[in-house]
Amino acid sequence: MMIPSFAVDVMCIKPTDEGTGRLARLFSLLLMKKAGFDVGRYVSIDRLCERHAAAYYDRSTRAREPWPHAQG
Protein backbone atom coordinates (compact mmCIF):
# COMPACT_ATOMS: atom_id res chain seq x y z
CA MET A 1 0.00 0.00 0.00
CA MET A 2 3.00 2.28 0.33
CA ILE A 3 3.50 2.84 -3.42
CA PRO A 4 -0.02 4.09 -4.23
CA SER A 5 0.02 6.22 -1.06
CA PHE A 6 3.30 7.79 -2.17
CA ALA A 7 1.85 8.51 -5.62
CA VAL A 8 -1.16 10.27 -4.06
CA ASP A 9 1.15 12.29 -1.80
CA VAL A 10 3.19 13.44 -4.81
CA MET A 11 0.03 14.49 -6.65
CA CYS A 12 -1.27 16.34 -3.58
CA ILE A 13 1.88 18.36 -2.95
CA LYS A 14 1.97 19.32 -6.66
CA PRO A 15 5.75 19.54 -7.10
CA THR A 16 5.28 20.86 -10.65
CA ASP A 17 2.62 22.98 -12.34
CA GLU A 18 2.20 20.36 -15.05
CA GLY A 19 3.12 16.71 -15.24
CA THR A 20 2.54 15.91 -11.58
CA GLY A 21 0.65 12.72 -12.48
CA ARG A 22 3.41 11.64 -14.86
CA LEU A 23 5.98 12.30 -12.13
CA ALA A 24 3.95 10.25 -9.63
CA ARG A 25 3.68 7.38 -12.14
CA LEU A 26 7.43 7.54 -12.81
CA PHE A 27 8.19 7.32 -9.09
CA SER A 28 5.66 4.48 -8.81
CA LEU A 29 7.47 2.54 -11.55
CA LEU A 30 10.80 3.08 -9.79
CA LEU A 31 9.41 1.94 -6.44
CA MET A 32 7.75 -1.11 -8.01
CA LYS A 33 11.01 -2.07 -9.75
CA LYS A 34 12.92 -1.70 -6.45
CA ALA A 35 10.27 -3.89 -4.76
CA GLY A 36 10.94 -6.64 -7.29
CA PHE A 37 7.99 -6.21 -9.65
CA ASP A 38 8.67 -6.74 -13.35
CA VAL A 39 7.04 -3.50 -14.55
CA GLY A 40 7.50 -1.24 -17.51
CA ARG A 41 8.82 -4.03 -19.63
CA TYR A 42 5.50 -5.25 -21.00
CA VAL A 43 2.94 -2.72 -19.78
CA SER A 44 3.01 1.06 -19.98
CA ILE A 45 1.29 2.58 -16.96
CA ASP A 46 0.93 5.88 -18.86
CA ARG A 47 -0.77 4.08 -21.75
CA LEU A 48 -3.17 2.35 -19.35
CA CYS A 49 -3.96 5.70 -17.68
CA GLU A 50 -4.64 7.27 -21.07
CA ARG A 51 -6.85 4.37 -22.13
CA HIS A 52 -8.88 4.60 -18.90
CA ALA A 53 -8.53 8.36 -18.37
CA ALA A 54 -12.01 8.99 -16.90
CA ALA A 55 -11.63 6.24 -14.29
CA TYR A 56 -8.01 7.25 -13.56
CA TYR A 57 -8.89 10.89 -12.90
CA ASP A 58 -11.99 9.97 -10.89
CA ARG A 59 -10.07 7.66 -8.60
CA SER A 60 -7.07 9.94 -8.24
CA THR A 61 -9.41 12.79 -7.25
CA ARG A 62 -11.24 10.59 -4.73
CA ALA A 63 -7.92 9.34 -3.30
CA ARG A 64 -6.81 12.92 -2.61
CA GLU A 65 -9.99 13.93 -0.72
CA PRO A 66 -8.85 12.77 2.73
CA TRP A 67 -5.34 14.15 2.22
CA PRO A 68 -4.78 17.23 4.43
CA HIS A 69 -4.88 20.47 2.42
CA ALA A 70 -5.37 18.59 -0.89
CA GLN A 71 -5.72 20.81 -3.92
CA GLY A 72 -7.79 19.74 -6.97
PDB file of N, CA and C in Angstrom:
ATOM      1  N   MET A   1       0.822  -1.199   0.000  1.00  0.00           N
ATOM      2  CA  MET A   1       0.000   0.000   0.000  1.00  0.00           C
ATOM      3  C   MET A   1       0.864   1.260   0.000  1.00  0.00           C
ATOM      4  N   MET A   2       2.140   1.112   0.257  1.00  0.00           N
ATOM      5  CA  MET A   2       3.004   2.278   0.330  1.00  0.00           C
ATOM      6  C   MET A   2       3.150   2.979  -1.027  1.00  0.00           C
ATOM      7  N   ILE A   3       3.254   2.231  -2.104  1.00  0.00           N
ATOM      8  CA  ILE A   3       3.499   2.835  -3.417  1.00  0.00           C
ATOM      9  C   ILE A   3       2.324   3.701  -3.868  1.00  0.00           C
ATOM     10  N   PRO A   4       1.068   3.206  -3.827  1.00  0.00           N
ATOM     11  CA  PRO A   4      -0.025   4.094  -4.227  1.00  0.00           C
ATOM     12  C   PRO A   4      -0.178   5.294  -3.290  1.00  0.00           C
ATOM     13  N   SER A   5       0.093   5.099  -2.009  1.00  0.00           N
ATOM     14  CA  SER A   5       0.020   6.224  -1.063  1.00  0.00           C
ATOM     15  C   SER A   5       1.056   7.286  -1.405  1.00  0.00           C
ATOM     16  N   PHE A   6       2.255   6.850  -1.766  1.00  0.00           N
ATOM     17  CA  PHE A   6       3.302   7.786  -2.166  1.00  0.00           C
ATOM     18  C   PHE A   6       2.879   8.550  -3.415  1.00  0.00           C
ATOM     19  N   ALA A   7       2.293   7.854  -4.392  1.00  0.00           N
ATOM     20  CA  ALA A   7       1.849   8.513  -5.625  1.00  0.00           C
ATOM     21  C   ALA A   7       0.803   9.580  -5.324  1.00  0.00           C
ATOM     22  N   VAL A   8      -0.134   9.283  -4.440  1.00  0.00           N
ATOM     23  CA  VAL A   8      -1.158  10.271  -4.063  1.00  0.00           C
ATOM     24  C   VAL A   8      -0.505  11.455  -3.360  1.00  0.00           C
ATOM     25  N   ASP A   9       0.446  11.200  -2.477  1.00  0.00           N
ATOM     26  CA  ASP A   9       1.146  12.295  -1.796  1.00  0.00           C
ATOM     27  C   ASP A   9       1.843  13.208  -2.800  1.00  0.00           C
ATOM     28  N   VAL A  10       2.512  12.627  -3.796  1.00  0.00           N
ATOM     29  CA  VAL A  10       3.192  13.440  -4.813  1.00  0.00           C
ATOM     30  C   VAL A  10       2.179  14.297  -5.559  1.00  0.00           C
ATOM     31  N   MET A  11       1.031  13.712  -5.920  1.00  0.00           N
ATOM     32  CA  MET A  11       0.027  14.487  -6.650  1.00  0.00           C
ATOM     33  C   MET A  11      -0.574  15.585  -5.777  1.00  0.00           C
ATOM     34  N   CYS A  12      -0.678  15.339  -4.477  1.00  0.00           N
ATOM     35  CA  CYS A  12      -1.268  16.343  -3.582  1.00  0.00           C
ATOM     36  C   CYS A  12      -0.332  17.510  -3.313  1.00  0.00           C
ATOM     37  N   ILE A  13       0.969  17.253  -3.236  1.00  0.00           N
ATOM     38  CA  ILE A  13       1.879  18.362  -2.955  1.00  0.00           C
ATOM     39  C   ILE A  13       2.187  19.170  -4.206  1.00  0.00           C
ATOM     40  N   LYS A  14       1.805  18.632  -5.377  1.00  0.00           N
ATOM     41  CA  LYS A  14       1.972  19.322  -6.657  1.00  0.00           C
ATOM     42  C   LYS A  14       3.375  19.900  -6.825  1.00  0.00           C
ATOM     43  N   PRO A  15       4.387  19.034  -6.968  1.00  0.00           N
ATOM     44  CA  PRO A  15       5.754  19.536  -7.101  1.00  0.00           C
ATOM     45  C   PRO A  15       6.006  20.296  -8.408  1.00  0.00           C
ATOM     46  N   THR A  16       5.142  20.126  -9.393  1.00  0.00           N
ATOM     47  CA  THR A  16       5.283  20.862 -10.653  1.00  0.00           C
ATOM     48  C   THR A  16       3.912  21.403 -11.044  1.00  0.00           C
ATOM     49  N   ASP A  17       3.898  22.439 -11.869  1.00  0.00           N
ATOM     50  CA  ASP A  17       2.621  22.979 -12.341  1.00  0.00           C
ATOM     51  C   ASP A  17       1.941  22.020 -13.306  1.00  0.00           C
ATOM     52  N   GLU A  18       2.733  21.345 -14.111  1.00  0.00           N
ATOM     53  CA  GLU A  18       2.201  20.358 -15.054  1.00  0.00           C
ATOM     54  C   GLU A  18       3.018  19.083 -14.942  1.00  0.00           C
ATOM     55  N   GLY A  19       2.406  17.971 -15.237  1.00  0.00           N
ATOM     56  CA  GLY A  19       3.125  16.713 -15.242  1.00  0.00           C
ATOM     57  C   GLY A  19       3.238  16.045 -13.890  1.00  0.00           C
ATOM     58  N   THR A  20       2.466  16.503 -12.903  1.00  0.00           N
ATOM     59  CA  THR A  20       2.542  15.909 -11.578  1.00  0.00           C
ATOM     60  C   THR A  20       2.133  14.438 -11.609  1.00  0.00           C
ATOM     61  N   GLY A  21       1.077  14.113 -12.362  1.00  0.00           N
ATOM     62  CA  GLY A  21       0.646  12.721 -12.479  1.00  0.00           C
ATOM     63  C   GLY A  21       1.708  11.861 -13.140  1.00  0.00           C
ATOM     64  N   ARG A  22       2.332  12.395 -14.183  1.00  0.00           N
ATOM     65  CA  ARG A  22       3.410  11.644 -14.855  1.00  0.00           C
ATOM     66  C   ARG A  22       4.577  11.416 -13.899  1.00  0.00           C
ATOM     67  N   LEU A  23       4.899  12.432 -13.108  1.00  0.00           N
ATOM     68  CA  LEU A  23       5.983  12.297 -12.133  1.00  0.00           C
ATOM     69  C   LEU A  23       5.627  11.238 -11.092  1.00  0.00           C
ATOM     70  N   ALA A  24       4.389  11.245 -10.614  1.00  0.00           N
ATOM     71  CA  ALA A  24       3.949  10.251  -9.631  1.00  0.00           C
ATOM     72  C   ALA A  24       4.019   8.846 -10.223  1.00  0.00           C
ATOM     73  N   ARG A  25       3.620   8.690 -11.496  1.00  0.00           N
ATOM     74  CA  ARG A  25       3.684   7.376 -12.141  1.00  0.00           C
ATOM     75  C   ARG A  25       5.135   6.935 -12.345  1.00  0.00           C
ATOM     76  N   LEU A  26       6.011   7.868 -12.654  1.00  0.00           N
ATOM     77  CA  LEU A  26       7.427   7.544 -12.813  1.00  0.00           C
ATOM     78  C   LEU A  26       8.018   7.051 -11.495  1.00  0.00           C
ATOM     79  N   PHE A  27       7.729   7.766 -10.408  1.00  0.00           N
ATOM     80  CA  PHE A  27       8.186   7.323  -9.095  1.00  0.00           C
ATOM     81  C   PHE A  27       7.585   5.960  -8.746  1.00  0.00           C
ATOM     82  N   SER A  28       6.315   5.761  -9.095  1.00  0.00           N
ATOM     83  CA  SER A  28       5.661   4.478  -8.815  1.00  0.00           C
ATOM     84  C   SER A  28       6.378   3.343  -9.527  1.00  0.00           C
ATOM     85  N   LEU A  29       6.730   3.562 -10.806  1.00  0.00           N
ATOM     86  CA  LEU A  29       7.472   2.536 -11.548  1.00  0.00           C
ATOM     87  C   LEU A  29       8.806   2.228 -10.871  1.00  0.00           C
ATOM     88  N   LEU A  30       9.514   3.277 -10.455  1.00  0.00           N
ATOM     89  CA  LEU A  30      10.800   3.079  -9.786  1.00  0.00           C
ATOM     90  C   LEU A  30      10.631   2.278  -8.500  1.00  0.00           C
ATOM     91  N   LEU A  31       9.642   2.646  -7.693  1.00  0.00           N
ATOM     92  CA  LEU A  31       9.414   1.937  -6.438  1.00  0.00           C
ATOM     93  C   LEU A  31       8.985   0.493  -6.676  1.00  0.00           C
ATOM     94  N   MET A  32       8.164   0.264  -7.705  1.00  0.00           N
ATOM     95  CA  MET A  32       7.746  -1.110  -8.008  1.00  0.00           C
ATOM     96  C   MET A  32       8.932  -1.947  -8.477  1.00  0.00           C
ATOM     97  N   LYS A  33       9.806  -1.352  -9.303  1.00  0.00           N
ATOM     98  CA  LYS A  33      11.012  -2.075  -9.746  1.00  0.00           C
ATOM     99  C   LYS A  33      11.886  -2.425  -8.541  1.00  0.00           C
ATOM    100  N   LYS A  34      12.085  -1.460  -7.640  1.00  0.00           N
ATOM    101  CA  LYS A  34      12.916  -1.696  -6.451  1.00  0.00           C
ATOM    102  C   LYS A  34      12.300  -2.758  -5.544  1.00  0.00           C
ATOM    103  N   ALA A  35      10.958  -2.886  -5.580  1.00  0.00           N
ATOM    104  CA  ALA A  35      10.273  -3.889  -4.756  1.00  0.00           C
ATOM    105  C   ALA A  35      10.265  -5.265  -5.418  1.00  0.00           C
ATOM    106  N   GLY A  36      10.832  -5.348  -6.630  1.00  0.00           N
ATOM    107  CA  GLY A  36      10.944  -6.640  -7.288  1.00  0.00           C
ATOM    108  C   GLY A  36       9.891  -6.942  -8.338  1.00  0.00           C
ATOM    109  N   PHE A  37       8.991  -5.992  -8.610  1.00  0.00           N
ATOM    110  CA  PHE A  37       7.987  -6.208  -9.648  1.00  0.00           C
ATOM    111  C   PHE A  37       8.615  -6.038 -11.022  1.00  0.00           C
ATOM    112  N   ASP A  38       8.184  -6.833 -11.974  1.00  0.00           N
ATOM    113  CA  ASP A  38       8.670  -6.736 -13.351  1.00  0.00           C
ATOM    114  C   ASP A  38       7.725  -5.798 -14.106  1.00  0.00           C
ATOM    115  N   VAL A  39       7.949  -4.503 -13.971  1.00  0.00           N
ATOM    116  CA  VAL A  39       7.044  -3.499 -14.550  1.00  0.00           C
ATOM    117  C   VAL A  39       7.746  -2.705 -15.643  1.00  0.00           C
ATOM    118  N   GLY A  40       6.957  -2.102 -16.469  1.00  0.00           N
ATOM    119  CA  GLY A  40       7.497  -1.239 -17.510  1.00  0.00           C
ATOM    120  C   GLY A  40       8.044  -1.988 -18.706  1.00  0.00           C
ATOM    121  N   ARG A  41       8.254  -3.246 -18.549  1.00  0.00           N
ATOM    122  CA  ARG A  41       8.815  -4.034 -19.629  1.00  0.00           C
ATOM    123  C   ARG A  41       7.743  -4.422 -20.641  1.00  0.00           C
ATOM    124  N   TYR A  42       6.573  -4.780 -20.136  1.00  0.00           N
ATOM    125  CA  TYR A  42       5.499  -5.254 -21.005  1.00  0.00           C
ATOM    126  C   TYR A  42       4.273  -4.348 -20.988  1.00  0.00           C
ATOM    127  N   VAL A  43       4.133  -3.547 -19.939  1.00  0.00           N
ATOM    128  CA  VAL A  43       2.944  -2.720 -19.778  1.00  0.00           C
ATOM    129  C   VAL A  43       3.364  -1.285 -19.503  1.00  0.00           C
ATOM    130  N   SER A  44       2.759  -0.353 -20.226  1.00  0.00           N
ATOM    131  CA  SER A  44       3.008   1.064 -19.985  1.00  0.00           C
ATOM    132  C   SER A  44       1.908   1.597 -19.077  1.00  0.00           C
ATOM    133  N   ILE A  45       2.283   2.025 -17.878  1.00  0.00           N
ATOM    134  CA  ILE A  45       1.294   2.580 -16.962  1.00  0.00           C
ATOM    135  C   ILE A  45       0.673   3.834 -17.565  1.00  0.00           C
ATOM    136  N   ASP A  46       1.482   4.679 -18.225  1.00  0.00           N
ATOM    137  CA  ASP A  46       0.932   5.879 -18.861  1.00  0.00           C
ATOM    138  C   ASP A  46      -0.103   5.516 -19.920  1.00  0.00           C
ATOM    139  N   ARG A  47       0.170   4.498 -20.709  1.00  0.00           N
ATOM    140  CA  ARG A  47      -0.772   4.085 -21.750  1.00  0.00           C
ATOM    141  C   ARG A  47      -2.074   3.576 -21.124  1.00  0.00           C
ATOM    142  N   LEU A  48      -1.970   2.818 -20.035  1.00  0.00           N
ATOM    143  CA  LEU A  48      -3.171   2.355 -19.348  1.00  0.00           C
ATOM    144  C   LEU A  48      -3.970   3.530 -18.775  1.00  0.00           C
ATOM    145  N   CYS A  49      -3.276   4.519 -18.222  1.00  0.00           N
ATOM    146  CA  CYS A  49      -3.957   5.697 -17.680  1.00  0.00           C
ATOM    147  C   CYS A  49      -4.652   6.475 -18.789  1.00  0.00           C
ATOM    148  N   GLU A  50      -4.010   6.588 -19.938  1.00  0.00           N
ATOM    149  CA  GLU A  50      -4.637   7.272 -21.073  1.00  0.00           C
ATOM    150  C   GLU A  50      -5.866   6.505 -21.548  1.00  0.00           C
ATOM    151  N   ARG A  51      -5.756   5.198 -21.629  1.00  0.00           N
ATOM    152  CA  ARG A  51      -6.853   4.366 -22.126  1.00  0.00           C
ATOM    153  C   ARG A  51      -8.061   4.429 -21.195  1.00  0.00           C
ATOM    154  N   HIS A  52      -7.808   4.568 -19.901  1.00  0.00           N
ATOM    155  CA  HIS A  52      -8.879   4.596 -18.902  1.00  0.00           C
ATOM    156  C   HIS A  52      -8.870   5.942 -18.174  1.00  0.00           C
ATOM    157  N   ALA A  53      -8.740   7.017 -18.937  1.00  0.00           N
ATOM    158  CA  ALA A  53      -8.535   8.360 -18.367  1.00  0.00           C
ATOM    159  C   ALA A  53      -9.646   8.766 -17.406  1.00  0.00           C
ATOM    160  N   ALA A  54     -10.898   8.561 -17.766  1.00  0.00           N
ATOM    161  CA  ALA A  54     -12.006   8.994 -16.903  1.00  0.00           C
ATOM    162  C   ALA A  54     -11.926   8.296 -15.542  1.00  0.00           C
ATOM    163  N   ALA A  55     -11.721   6.990 -15.540  1.00  0.00           N
ATOM    164  CA  ALA A  55     -11.628   6.238 -14.285  1.00  0.00           C
ATOM    165  C   ALA A  55     -10.382   6.647 -13.509  1.00  0.00           C
ATOM    166  N   TYR A  56      -9.260   6.848 -14.216  1.00  0.00           N
ATOM    167  CA  TYR A  56      -8.006   7.246 -13.561  1.00  0.00           C
ATOM    168  C   TYR A  56      -8.176   8.581 -12.838  1.00  0.00           C
ATOM    169  N   TYR A  57      -8.738   9.576 -13.524  1.00  0.00           N
ATOM    170  CA  TYR A  57      -8.893  10.891 -12.901  1.00  0.00           C
ATOM    171  C   TYR A  57      -9.927  10.870 -11.783  1.00  0.00           C
ATOM    172  N   ASP A  58     -10.984  10.087 -11.946  1.00  0.00           N
ATOM    173  CA  ASP A  58     -11.994   9.969 -10.893  1.00  0.00           C
ATOM    174  C   ASP A  58     -11.383   9.389  -9.631  1.00  0.00           C
ATOM    175  N   ARG A  59     -10.653   8.305  -9.779  1.00  0.00           N
ATOM    176  CA  ARG A  59     -10.071   7.659  -8.605  1.00  0.00           C
ATOM    177  C   ARG A  59      -8.929   8.459  -7.998  1.00  0.00           C
ATOM    178  N   SER A  60      -8.150   9.132  -8.813  1.00  0.00           N
ATOM    179  CA  SER A  60      -7.066   9.942  -8.239  1.00  0.00           C
ATOM    180  C   SER A  60      -7.639  11.138  -7.477  1.00  0.00           C
ATOM    181  N   THR A  61      -8.749  11.684  -7.964  1.00  0.00           N
ATOM    182  CA  THR A  61      -9.410  12.787  -7.249  1.00  0.00           C
ATOM    183  C   THR A  61      -9.984  12.288  -5.928  1.00  0.00           C
ATOM    184  N   ARG A  62     -10.658  11.138  -5.956  1.00  0.00           N
ATOM    185  CA  ARG A  62     -11.237  10.591  -4.725  1.00  0.00           C
ATOM    186  C   ARG A  62     -10.154  10.197  -3.730  1.00  0.00           C
ATOM    187  N   ALA A  63      -9.004   9.738  -4.202  1.00  0.00           N
ATOM    188  CA  ALA A  63      -7.923   9.339  -3.297  1.00  0.00           C
ATOM    189  C   ALA A  63      -7.329  10.540  -2.573  1.00  0.00           C
ATOM    190  N   ARG A  64      -7.392  11.711  -3.214  1.00  0.00           N
ATOM    191  CA  ARG A  64      -6.813  12.918  -2.606  1.00  0.00           C
ATOM    192  C   ARG A  64      -7.735  13.578  -1.599  1.00  0.00           C
ATOM    193  N   GLU A  65      -9.034  13.242  -1.598  1.00  0.00           N
ATOM    194  CA  GLU A  65      -9.992  13.927  -0.724  1.00  0.00           C
ATOM    195  C   GLU A  65      -9.606  13.906   0.753  1.00  0.00           C
ATOM    196  N   PRO A  66      -9.191  12.756   1.305  1.00  0.00           N
ATOM    197  CA  PRO A  66      -8.851  12.767   2.728  1.00  0.00           C
ATOM    198  C   PRO A  66      -7.474  13.357   3.034  1.00  0.00           C
ATOM    199  N   TRP A  67      -6.693  13.649   2.006  1.00  0.00           N
ATOM    200  CA  TRP A  67      -5.338  14.154   2.219  1.00  0.00           C
ATOM    201  C   TRP A  67      -5.425  15.572   2.766  1.00  0.00           C
ATOM    202  N   PRO A  68      -4.707  15.880   3.854  1.00  0.00           N
ATOM    203  CA  PRO A  68      -4.778  17.233   4.429  1.00  0.00           C
ATOM    204  C   PRO A  68      -4.355  18.312   3.415  1.00  0.00           C
ATOM    205  N   HIS A  69      -5.163  19.305   3.283  1.00  0.00           N
ATOM    206  CA  HIS A  69      -4.885  20.465   2.416  1.00  0.00           C
ATOM    207  C   HIS A  69      -4.767  20.077   0.944  1.00  0.00           C
ATOM    208  N   ALA A  70      -5.451  19.030   0.514  1.00  0.00           N
ATOM    209  CA  ALA A  70      -5.370  18.591  -0.891  1.00  0.00           C
ATOM    210  C   ALA A  70      -5.955  19.653  -1.795  1.00  0.00           C
ATOM    211  N   GLN A  71      -5.269  19.863  -2.887  1.00  0.00           N
ATOM    212  CA  GLN A  71      -5.721  20.811  -3.916  1.00  0.00           C
ATOM    213  C   GLN A  71      -6.207  19.993  -5.102  1.00  0.00           C
ATOM    214  N   GLY A  72      -7.255  20.448  -5.794  1.00  0.00           N
ATOM    215  CA  GLY A  72      -7.790  19.742  -6.969  1.00  0.00           C
ATOM    216  C   GLY A  72      -6.906  19.796  -8.092  1.00  0.00           C
TER     217      GLY A  72
END
